[in-house]
Amino acid sequence: MKVYLAGNMHRLWRERVTVGVGLEGGDSSITWLMPLITSDKAKPGGGDKDLYFVRDKSLIRQADLVFGLIEDYDREHNRHSGLSAELGMAHAWGIPIILLNLLPEIHSFEFLEKLADSVFYDWEEAIRALHFVCAIT
């Protein structure tokens, strides 16, 4: 199973997901796909936003499932435009989406919730659901 982790690339939340699901390490039943993080900008092509898009789009197409995270809101820096694009592509390609929305009080995220197959509002529920889906495939 291949799971794409969609969300803010400048935060260190992805490890919380992979460790929380508990299928990493010796278990080869899951492959985590994720955008390049900021420290990866030194790699060939790093920092070129066009190459980031091509790479991320390719990873989403490979995914069996997308796990998305809404964790902060910064209107000035439009933090969720990438997440919106990632979820939109996954939805259009028929890839199931699990969304963790930690800001349910912000109504502008309701549209993203409509793209998801399952929406959760706390870490434990979302990780439990992701573990369940990954463990049965």
N, C-alpha and C. Protein backbone atom coordinates (compact mmCIF):
# COMPACT_ATOMS: atom_id res chain seq x y z
N MET A 1 0.85 -1.18 0.00
CA MET A 1 0.00 0.00 0.00
C MET A 1 0.88 1.24 0.00
N LYS A 2 0.53 2.21 -0.84
CA LYS A 2 1.27 3.47 -0.92
C LYS A 2 0.37 4.59 -0.43
N VAL A 3 0.87 5.34 0.57
CA VAL A 3 0.10 6.43 1.17
C VAL A 3 0.84 7.73 0.97
N TYR A 4 0.19 8.68 0.32
CA TYR A 4 0.75 10.02 0.12
C TYR A 4 0.30 10.90 1.29
N LEU A 5 1.26 11.59 1.90
CA LEU A 5 0.98 12.47 3.04
C LEU A 5 0.93 13.91 2.56
N ALA A 6 -0.27 14.46 2.48
CA ALA A 6 -0.50 15.80 1.94
C ALA A 6 -0.71 16.80 3.06
N GLY A 7 0.00 17.90 2.99
CA GLY A 7 -0.16 18.94 4.00
C GLY A 7 1.06 19.83 4.04
N ASN A 8 1.12 20.66 5.03
CA ASN A 8 2.19 21.64 5.17
C ASN A 8 3.56 20.97 5.15
N MET A 9 4.38 21.36 4.17
CA MET A 9 5.69 20.72 4.05
C MET A 9 6.73 21.35 4.96
N HIS A 10 6.38 22.42 5.64
CA HIS A 10 7.34 23.10 6.51
C HIS A 10 7.19 22.70 7.97
N ARG A 11 6.36 21.73 8.25
CA ARG A 11 6.16 21.26 9.62
C ARG A 11 6.56 19.79 9.70
N LEU A 12 6.86 19.34 10.88
CA LEU A 12 7.34 17.96 11.07
C LEU A 12 6.23 17.05 11.59
N TRP A 13 5.12 16.99 10.91
CA TRP A 13 3.98 16.20 11.34
C TRP A 13 3.99 14.79 10.75
N ARG A 14 4.69 14.58 9.66
CA ARG A 14 4.63 13.30 8.95
C ARG A 14 5.15 12.13 9.79
N GLU A 15 6.18 12.39 10.59
CA GLU A 15 6.70 11.33 11.45
C GLU A 15 5.65 10.90 12.47
N ARG A 16 4.86 11.83 12.94
CA ARG A 16 3.79 11.49 13.89
C ARG A 16 2.81 10.51 13.24
N VAL A 17 2.57 10.68 11.96
CA VAL A 17 1.65 9.78 11.25
C VAL A 17 2.30 8.41 11.06
N THR A 18 3.51 8.37 10.53
CA THR A 18 4.13 7.08 10.22
C THR A 18 4.40 6.26 11.48
N VAL A 19 4.85 6.91 12.53
CA VAL A 19 5.08 6.20 13.79
C VAL A 19 3.76 5.81 14.43
N GLY A 20 2.78 6.70 14.36
CA GLY A 20 1.47 6.43 14.96
C GLY A 20 0.76 5.25 14.33
N VAL A 21 0.91 5.10 13.01
CA VAL A 21 0.26 3.99 12.33
C VAL A 21 0.93 2.68 12.72
N GLY A 22 2.23 2.72 13.02
CA GLY A 22 2.91 1.55 13.54
C GLY A 22 3.22 0.48 12.52
N LEU A 23 3.17 0.83 11.24
CA LEU A 23 3.46 -0.15 10.20
C LEU A 23 4.77 0.16 9.48
N GLU A 24 5.54 1.08 10.05
CA GLU A 24 6.83 1.41 9.44
C GLU A 24 7.89 0.43 9.94
N GLY A 25 9.10 0.63 9.55
CA GLY A 25 10.19 -0.24 10.02
C GLY A 25 10.25 -1.52 9.23
N GLY A 26 10.17 -2.66 9.89
CA GLY A 26 10.32 -3.94 9.23
C GLY A 26 9.13 -4.35 8.38
N ASP A 27 8.01 -3.68 8.52
CA ASP A 27 6.83 -4.04 7.75
C ASP A 27 6.89 -3.34 6.39
N SER A 28 6.98 -4.12 5.33
CA SER A 28 7.08 -3.54 4.00
C SER A 28 5.72 -3.41 3.33
N SER A 29 4.64 -3.55 4.08
CA SER A 29 3.31 -3.48 3.48
C SER A 29 2.88 -2.06 3.16
N ILE A 30 3.62 -1.05 3.62
CA ILE A 30 3.24 0.33 3.37
C ILE A 30 4.45 1.14 2.93
N THR A 31 4.23 1.97 1.92
CA THR A 31 5.24 2.89 1.44
C THR A 31 4.69 4.30 1.63
N TRP A 32 5.46 5.13 2.31
CA TRP A 32 5.05 6.51 2.56
C TRP A 32 5.57 7.39 1.44
N LEU A 33 4.68 8.11 0.79
CA LEU A 33 5.03 9.05 -0.28
C LEU A 33 4.78 10.45 0.26
N MET A 34 5.74 11.35 0.05
CA MET A 34 5.54 12.69 0.58
C MET A 34 6.33 13.72 -0.21
N PRO A 35 5.85 14.97 -0.17
CA PRO A 35 6.58 16.05 -0.84
C PRO A 35 7.95 16.24 -0.21
N LEU A 36 8.84 16.85 -0.97
CA LEU A 36 10.14 17.20 -0.42
C LEU A 36 9.96 18.22 0.68
N ILE A 37 10.67 18.04 1.77
CA ILE A 37 10.61 19.03 2.84
C ILE A 37 11.67 20.10 2.59
N THR A 38 11.62 21.17 3.32
CA THR A 38 12.50 22.31 3.10
C THR A 38 13.97 21.93 3.05
N SER A 39 14.42 21.02 3.91
CA SER A 39 15.83 20.65 3.95
C SER A 39 16.27 19.93 2.67
N ASP A 40 15.32 19.45 1.86
CA ASP A 40 15.65 18.75 0.63
C ASP A 40 15.92 19.70 -0.53
N LYS A 41 15.85 21.02 -0.30
CA LYS A 41 16.07 21.97 -1.38
C LYS A 41 17.47 21.91 -1.95
N ALA A 42 18.41 21.32 -1.21
CA ALA A 42 19.79 21.22 -1.69
C ALA A 42 19.94 20.11 -2.73
N LYS A 43 18.97 19.24 -2.85
CA LYS A 43 19.05 18.14 -3.82
C LYS A 43 18.89 18.70 -5.23
N PRO A 44 19.32 17.95 -6.25
CA PRO A 44 19.16 18.42 -7.63
C PRO A 44 17.69 18.77 -7.91
N GLY A 45 17.48 19.98 -8.40
CA GLY A 45 16.12 20.45 -8.67
C GLY A 45 15.45 21.05 -7.47
N GLY A 46 16.04 20.91 -6.28
CA GLY A 46 15.44 21.45 -5.07
C GLY A 46 15.28 22.95 -5.17
N GLY A 47 14.15 23.45 -4.76
CA GLY A 47 13.87 24.87 -4.81
C GLY A 47 13.15 25.30 -6.08
N ASP A 48 13.12 24.45 -7.10
CA ASP A 48 12.42 24.75 -8.35
C ASP A 48 10.96 24.32 -8.18
N LYS A 49 10.07 25.30 -8.01
CA LYS A 49 8.67 24.97 -7.72
C LYS A 49 8.02 24.16 -8.83
N ASP A 50 8.45 24.33 -10.07
CA ASP A 50 7.87 23.54 -11.16
C ASP A 50 8.23 22.07 -11.02
N LEU A 51 9.47 21.79 -10.59
CA LEU A 51 9.87 20.40 -10.41
C LEU A 51 9.19 19.79 -9.19
N TYR A 52 8.96 20.59 -8.15
CA TYR A 52 8.22 20.10 -6.99
C TYR A 52 6.84 19.63 -7.42
N PHE A 53 6.18 20.44 -8.24
CA PHE A 53 4.83 20.10 -8.68
C PHE A 53 4.83 18.81 -9.50
N VAL A 54 5.76 18.68 -10.42
CA VAL A 54 5.84 17.47 -11.25
C VAL A 54 6.07 16.24 -10.36
N ARG A 55 6.99 16.36 -9.41
CA ARG A 55 7.31 15.25 -8.52
C ARG A 55 6.10 14.87 -7.65
N ASP A 56 5.48 15.86 -7.03
CA ASP A 56 4.36 15.59 -6.15
C ASP A 56 3.16 15.03 -6.91
N LYS A 57 2.91 15.56 -8.10
CA LYS A 57 1.82 15.05 -8.93
C LYS A 57 2.05 13.58 -9.28
N SER A 58 3.29 13.24 -9.60
CA SER A 58 3.63 11.85 -9.90
C SER A 58 3.43 10.95 -8.68
N LEU A 59 3.82 11.42 -7.51
CA LEU A 59 3.64 10.63 -6.29
C LEU A 59 2.17 10.42 -5.96
N ILE A 60 1.36 11.45 -6.15
CA ILE A 60 -0.07 11.31 -5.87
C ILE A 60 -0.69 10.26 -6.80
N ARG A 61 -0.29 10.28 -8.07
CA ARG A 61 -0.81 9.29 -9.03
C ARG A 61 -0.46 7.86 -8.63
N GLN A 62 0.68 7.68 -7.96
CA GLN A 62 1.12 6.36 -7.53
C GLN A 62 0.40 5.88 -6.28
N ALA A 63 -0.19 6.81 -5.54
CA ALA A 63 -0.75 6.49 -4.22
C ALA A 63 -2.02 5.66 -4.31
N ASP A 64 -2.17 4.78 -3.31
CA ASP A 64 -3.42 4.03 -3.13
C ASP A 64 -4.37 4.80 -2.22
N LEU A 65 -3.79 5.73 -1.44
CA LEU A 65 -4.55 6.49 -0.45
C LEU A 65 -3.81 7.79 -0.19
N VAL A 66 -4.56 8.86 0.06
CA VAL A 66 -3.97 10.14 0.45
C VAL A 66 -4.46 10.47 1.86
N PHE A 67 -3.50 10.81 2.73
CA PHE A 67 -3.81 11.29 4.07
C PHE A 67 -3.47 12.77 4.09
N GLY A 68 -4.48 13.62 4.33
CA GLY A 68 -4.27 15.07 4.34
C GLY A 68 -4.43 15.64 5.73
N LEU A 69 -3.69 16.72 5.99
CA LEU A 69 -3.73 17.37 7.30
C LEU A 69 -3.95 18.87 7.15
N ILE A 70 -4.97 19.37 7.85
CA ILE A 70 -5.18 20.81 8.02
C ILE A 70 -4.83 21.09 9.47
N GLU A 71 -3.73 21.82 9.69
CA GLU A 71 -3.31 22.03 11.08
C GLU A 71 -3.11 23.48 11.47
N ASP A 72 -2.99 24.36 10.52
CA ASP A 72 -2.82 25.76 10.86
C ASP A 72 -3.45 26.60 9.76
N TYR A 73 -3.62 27.87 10.05
CA TYR A 73 -4.23 28.75 9.06
C TYR A 73 -3.48 30.06 9.07
N ASP A 74 -3.00 30.45 7.91
CA ASP A 74 -2.26 31.69 7.77
C ASP A 74 -2.70 32.33 6.46
N ARG A 75 -3.69 33.20 6.55
CA ARG A 75 -4.27 33.82 5.35
C ARG A 75 -3.20 34.53 4.52
N GLU A 76 -2.24 35.17 5.19
CA GLU A 76 -1.21 35.94 4.49
C GLU A 76 -0.35 35.05 3.60
N HIS A 77 -0.01 33.85 4.07
CA HIS A 77 0.87 32.97 3.31
C HIS A 77 0.14 31.85 2.57
N ASN A 78 -1.19 31.84 2.64
CA ASN A 78 -2.01 30.89 1.90
C ASN A 78 -1.49 29.46 2.05
N ARG A 79 -1.32 29.02 3.26
CA ARG A 79 -0.68 27.75 3.58
C ARG A 79 -1.36 26.51 2.99
N HIS A 80 -2.62 26.58 2.66
CA HIS A 80 -3.30 25.36 2.23
C HIS A 80 -3.57 25.29 0.73
N SER A 81 -2.94 26.14 -0.05
CA SER A 81 -3.15 26.06 -1.50
C SER A 81 -2.57 24.75 -2.05
N GLY A 82 -1.42 24.32 -1.55
CA GLY A 82 -0.83 23.06 -1.99
C GLY A 82 -1.69 21.88 -1.59
N LEU A 83 -2.17 21.87 -0.36
CA LEU A 83 -3.05 20.81 0.12
C LEU A 83 -4.31 20.75 -0.73
N SER A 84 -4.87 21.90 -1.05
CA SER A 84 -6.07 21.94 -1.89
C SER A 84 -5.81 21.29 -3.24
N ALA A 85 -4.68 21.60 -3.84
CA ALA A 85 -4.34 21.01 -5.14
C ALA A 85 -4.13 19.51 -5.02
N GLU A 86 -3.42 19.09 -3.97
CA GLU A 86 -3.16 17.66 -3.77
C GLU A 86 -4.46 16.87 -3.58
N LEU A 87 -5.35 17.38 -2.74
CA LEU A 87 -6.61 16.69 -2.51
C LEU A 87 -7.49 16.71 -3.76
N GLY A 88 -7.47 17.82 -4.48
CA GLY A 88 -8.24 17.91 -5.72
C GLY A 88 -7.79 16.90 -6.74
N MET A 89 -6.48 16.75 -6.91
CA MET A 89 -5.97 15.75 -7.86
C MET A 89 -6.35 14.34 -7.41
N ALA A 90 -6.14 14.05 -6.15
CA ALA A 90 -6.46 12.71 -5.65
C ALA A 90 -7.94 12.40 -5.87
N HIS A 91 -8.80 13.35 -5.56
CA HIS A 91 -10.24 13.15 -5.75
C HIS A 91 -10.57 12.92 -7.22
N ALA A 92 -10.00 13.73 -8.09
CA ALA A 92 -10.27 13.60 -9.53
C ALA A 92 -9.80 12.25 -10.07
N TRP A 93 -8.73 11.72 -9.52
CA TRP A 93 -8.18 10.44 -9.98
C TRP A 93 -8.78 9.25 -9.24
N GLY A 94 -9.72 9.50 -8.36
CA GLY A 94 -10.39 8.41 -7.66
C GLY A 94 -9.58 7.77 -6.56
N ILE A 95 -8.61 8.50 -6.03
CA ILE A 95 -7.78 7.98 -4.94
C ILE A 95 -8.47 8.34 -3.62
N PRO A 96 -8.72 7.36 -2.76
CA PRO A 96 -9.39 7.64 -1.48
C PRO A 96 -8.59 8.63 -0.63
N ILE A 97 -9.31 9.44 0.13
CA ILE A 97 -8.69 10.48 0.96
C ILE A 97 -9.20 10.37 2.39
N ILE A 98 -8.26 10.35 3.33
CA ILE A 98 -8.56 10.52 4.75
C ILE A 98 -8.03 11.89 5.12
N LEU A 99 -8.88 12.73 5.70
CA LEU A 99 -8.49 14.09 6.05
C LEU A 99 -8.60 14.30 7.55
N LEU A 100 -7.54 14.84 8.12
CA LEU A 100 -7.53 15.25 9.53
C LEU A 100 -7.61 16.77 9.55
N ASN A 101 -8.73 17.30 10.01
CA ASN A 101 -8.94 18.74 10.07
C ASN A 101 -8.89 19.20 11.52
N LEU A 102 -7.79 19.82 11.90
CA LEU A 102 -7.62 20.31 13.27
C LEU A 102 -8.19 21.72 13.46
N LEU A 103 -8.79 22.27 12.39
CA LEU A 103 -9.40 23.60 12.45
C LEU A 103 -10.83 23.57 11.92
N PRO A 104 -11.71 22.75 12.51
CA PRO A 104 -13.06 22.63 11.97
C PRO A 104 -13.89 23.91 12.08
N GLU A 105 -13.45 24.84 12.91
CA GLU A 105 -14.20 26.08 13.07
C GLU A 105 -14.01 27.04 11.89
N ILE A 106 -13.03 26.78 11.03
CA ILE A 106 -12.80 27.64 9.86
C ILE A 106 -13.60 27.07 8.70
N HIS A 107 -14.65 27.77 8.33
CA HIS A 107 -15.61 27.25 7.37
C HIS A 107 -15.05 27.11 5.96
N SER A 108 -13.99 27.82 5.64
CA SER A 108 -13.44 27.71 4.28
C SER A 108 -12.85 26.34 4.00
N PHE A 109 -12.64 25.53 5.04
CA PHE A 109 -12.11 24.19 4.82
C PHE A 109 -13.20 23.15 4.58
N GLU A 110 -14.46 23.55 4.65
CA GLU A 110 -15.56 22.62 4.40
C GLU A 110 -15.48 22.03 3.00
N PHE A 111 -15.03 22.81 2.02
CA PHE A 111 -14.92 22.31 0.66
C PHE A 111 -13.91 21.17 0.58
N LEU A 112 -12.79 21.32 1.29
CA LEU A 112 -11.80 20.25 1.31
C LEU A 112 -12.37 19.00 1.98
N GLU A 113 -13.17 19.19 3.00
CA GLU A 113 -13.81 18.05 3.65
C GLU A 113 -14.71 17.28 2.69
N LYS A 114 -15.36 17.98 1.78
CA LYS A 114 -16.25 17.32 0.82
C LYS A 114 -15.47 16.44 -0.16
N LEU A 115 -14.19 16.74 -0.38
CA LEU A 115 -13.36 15.91 -1.26
C LEU A 115 -12.94 14.60 -0.60
N ALA A 116 -12.92 14.60 0.72
CA ALA A 116 -12.41 13.44 1.46
C ALA A 116 -13.47 12.35 1.60
N ASP A 117 -12.99 11.12 1.69
CA ASP A 117 -13.87 9.98 1.93
C ASP A 117 -14.18 9.86 3.42
N SER A 118 -13.22 10.23 4.26
CA SER A 118 -13.40 10.23 5.72
C SER A 118 -12.71 11.46 6.28
N VAL A 119 -13.38 12.10 7.24
CA VAL A 119 -12.84 13.30 7.89
C VAL A 119 -12.80 13.06 9.39
N PHE A 120 -11.68 13.41 10.00
CA PHE A 120 -11.51 13.27 11.44
C PHE A 120 -11.05 14.61 12.00
N TYR A 121 -11.29 14.78 13.31
CA TYR A 121 -10.99 16.06 13.95
C TYR A 121 -10.00 15.94 15.10
N ASP A 122 -9.46 14.76 15.33
CA ASP A 122 -8.38 14.63 16.30
C ASP A 122 -7.42 13.55 15.83
N TRP A 123 -6.18 13.66 16.31
CA TRP A 123 -5.10 12.79 15.89
C TRP A 123 -5.40 11.32 16.11
N GLU A 124 -5.87 10.97 17.29
CA GLU A 124 -6.05 9.56 17.62
C GLU A 124 -7.02 8.86 16.67
N GLU A 125 -8.15 9.51 16.41
CA GLU A 125 -9.13 8.92 15.50
C GLU A 125 -8.56 8.76 14.08
N ALA A 126 -7.88 9.78 13.61
CA ALA A 126 -7.33 9.74 12.25
C ALA A 126 -6.26 8.67 12.12
N ILE A 127 -5.38 8.57 13.09
CA ILE A 127 -4.31 7.56 13.05
C ILE A 127 -4.91 6.16 13.15
N ARG A 128 -5.90 5.99 13.99
CA ARG A 128 -6.56 4.69 14.12
C ARG A 128 -7.22 4.28 12.79
N ALA A 129 -7.87 5.21 12.12
CA ALA A 129 -8.50 4.92 10.83
C ALA A 129 -7.45 4.59 9.76
N LEU A 130 -6.37 5.34 9.74
CA LEU A 130 -5.31 5.09 8.76
C LEU A 130 -4.67 3.73 9.01
N HIS A 131 -4.43 3.41 10.26
CA HIS A 131 -3.87 2.10 10.60
C HIS A 131 -4.80 0.99 10.14
N PHE A 132 -6.10 1.15 10.39
CA PHE A 132 -7.08 0.15 10.00
C PHE A 132 -7.05 -0.08 8.49
N VAL A 133 -7.08 1.00 7.72
CA VAL A 133 -7.09 0.88 6.27
C VAL A 133 -5.79 0.24 5.76
N CYS A 134 -4.67 0.66 6.29
CA CYS A 134 -3.38 0.13 5.83
C CYS A 134 -3.18 -1.32 6.26
N ALA A 135 -3.68 -1.70 7.40
CA ALA A 135 -3.48 -3.05 7.91
C ALA A 135 -4.32 -4.09 7.18
N ILE A 136 -5.43 -3.69 6.59
CA ILE A 136 -6.30 -4.67 5.95
C ILE A 136 -6.04 -4.84 4.47
N THR A 137 -5.15 -4.04 3.91
CA THR A 137 -4.92 -4.17 2.46
C THR A 137 -3.72 -5.03 2.17
